[in-house]
Amino acid sequence: MIEKLKGYVFKAILLVFKVALALVLVVIMFAGLAFGLDRYYRSPLQRFCSQVEINKPVSDGIAQAEQHAFLVFDQRDKHGKVGILNHQPFYFRYECAITVVDDVVTQTKMLVAD
């Protein structure tokens, strides 16, 4: 009788361990997916943002952004900035914030848009 009970306890512990391991693997899989999507969406805009030249007309950067099909938010009149976003979905959005003075690029900076 005690041997049978030990067998059931061992099987129960083994089952709990398998379920816990499966949950850990699922969490790791989703974390890896989120990390991969983050890199996938950030890289093109990061490359674009590093190629925007300082002391050049902002219209050059806007034209380049439109060629890459990035979203352009021109806020030069109100805030002296132009925001370039990588895409429209709600998650994994990034912004290349371009600071503009007299229609000339003075600074670029990558920001998280979410």
Protein backbone atom coordinates (compact mmCIF):
# COMPACT_ATOMS: atom_id res chain seq x y z
CA MET A 1 0.00 0.00 0.00
CA ILE A 2 2.76 2.48 0.90
CA GLU A 3 4.65 1.53 -2.26
CA LYS A 4 1.54 2.30 -4.32
CA LEU A 5 1.17 5.68 -2.58
CA LYS A 6 4.85 6.48 -3.25
CA GLY A 7 4.28 5.65 -6.92
CA TYR A 8 1.29 8.02 -7.14
CA VAL A 9 3.16 10.82 -5.37
CA PHE A 10 6.14 10.36 -7.68
CA LYS A 11 3.86 10.48 -10.75
CA ALA A 12 2.11 13.59 -9.42
CA ILE A 13 5.43 15.35 -8.79
CA LEU A 14 6.64 14.37 -12.27
CA LEU A 15 3.43 15.71 -13.82
CA VAL A 16 3.74 19.03 -11.96
CA PHE A 17 7.36 19.30 -13.08
CA LYS A 18 6.39 18.66 -16.73
CA VAL A 19 3.62 21.27 -16.59
CA ALA A 20 5.96 23.83 -15.00
CA LEU A 21 8.62 23.12 -17.62
CA ALA A 22 6.06 23.52 -20.41
CA LEU A 23 4.92 26.87 -18.96
CA VAL A 24 8.52 28.10 -18.71
CA LEU A 25 9.15 27.10 -22.32
CA VAL A 26 6.00 28.91 -23.48
CA VAL A 27 7.05 32.07 -21.63
CA ILE A 28 10.55 31.86 -23.16
CA MET A 29 9.00 31.38 -26.60
CA PHE A 30 6.77 34.46 -26.26
CA ALA A 31 9.64 36.54 -24.86
CA GLY A 32 11.80 35.49 -27.81
CA LEU A 33 9.00 36.36 -30.23
CA ALA A 34 8.56 39.80 -28.66
CA PHE A 35 12.33 40.41 -28.73
CA GLY A 36 12.52 39.33 -32.38
CA LEU A 37 9.59 41.53 -33.43
CA ASP A 38 11.10 44.45 -31.56
CA ARG A 39 14.41 44.08 -33.45
CA TYR A 40 12.61 43.47 -36.76
CA TYR A 41 10.58 46.68 -36.55
CA ARG A 42 13.26 48.88 -34.96
CA SER A 43 16.19 48.11 -37.27
CA PRO A 44 15.00 49.79 -40.51
CA LEU A 45 14.01 52.99 -38.72
CA GLN A 46 17.21 53.02 -36.68
CA ARG A 47 19.21 52.71 -39.89
CA PHE A 48 17.16 55.51 -41.47
CA CYS A 49 17.57 57.76 -38.44
CA SER A 50 21.34 57.34 -38.46
CA GLN A 51 21.44 58.31 -42.15
CA VAL A 52 19.58 61.61 -41.73
CA GLU A 53 22.25 64.24 -42.11
CA ILE A 54 22.64 67.08 -39.61
CA ASN A 55 22.71 70.63 -41.08
CA LYS A 56 20.83 69.52 -44.20
CA PRO A 57 17.30 70.54 -45.23
CA VAL A 58 14.62 68.57 -43.42
CA SER A 59 12.78 68.11 -46.72
CA ASP A 60 15.53 65.68 -47.77
CA GLY A 61 14.84 63.54 -44.71
CA ILE A 62 11.08 63.68 -45.25
CA ALA A 63 11.46 62.62 -48.89
CA GLN A 64 13.72 59.76 -47.84
CA ALA A 65 11.20 58.67 -45.17
CA GLU A 66 8.38 58.66 -47.70
CA GLN A 67 10.46 56.46 -50.02
CA HIS A 68 10.75 53.93 -47.18
CA ALA A 69 6.97 54.17 -46.55
CA PHE A 70 7.47 55.49 -43.01
CA LEU A 71 4.78 57.67 -41.44
CA VAL A 72 5.74 61.35 -41.32
CA PHE A 73 4.34 63.68 -38.65
CA ASP A 74 5.43 67.18 -39.55
CA GLN A 75 5.17 69.33 -36.41
CA ARG A 76 7.64 72.03 -37.41
CA ASP A 77 5.13 74.83 -36.92
CA LYS A 78 4.17 73.90 -33.35
CA HIS A 79 7.14 72.05 -31.84
CA GLY A 80 10.04 72.40 -34.25
CA LYS A 81 10.10 68.63 -34.78
CA VAL A 82 9.38 66.05 -37.43
CA GLY A 83 8.44 62.59 -36.23
CA ILE A 84 9.07 59.58 -38.47
CA LEU A 85 7.34 56.36 -37.34
CA ASN A 86 8.10 52.88 -38.60
CA HIS A 87 4.54 51.58 -39.03
CA GLN A 88 0.91 51.93 -38.02
CA PRO A 89 0.16 49.02 -35.61
CA PHE A 90 -0.12 49.69 -31.90
CA TYR A 91 2.91 47.71 -30.73
CA PHE A 92 6.64 47.82 -31.54
CA ARG A 93 6.44 51.35 -32.91
CA TYR A 94 9.50 53.55 -32.87
CA GLU A 95 10.02 57.17 -33.80
CA CYS A 96 12.95 58.97 -35.31
CA ALA A 97 12.50 62.41 -33.75
CA ILE A 98 14.13 65.06 -35.93
CA THR A 99 14.66 68.45 -34.32
CA VAL A 100 14.40 71.27 -36.85
CA VAL A 101 15.50 74.90 -36.70
CA ASP A 102 14.77 77.09 -39.75
CA ASP A 103 13.97 73.96 -41.80
CA VAL A 104 17.43 72.52 -41.13
CA VAL A 105 18.01 69.28 -39.20
CA THR A 106 19.81 69.95 -35.92
CA GLN A 107 19.38 66.61 -34.12
CA THR A 108 17.98 63.11 -34.60
CA LYS A 109 16.99 60.74 -31.84
CA MET A 110 15.37 57.30 -31.70
CA LEU A 111 12.39 57.06 -29.34
CA VAL A 112 9.89 54.38 -28.36
CA ALA A 113 6.52 55.50 -29.71
CA ASP A 114 4.36 53.11 -27.65
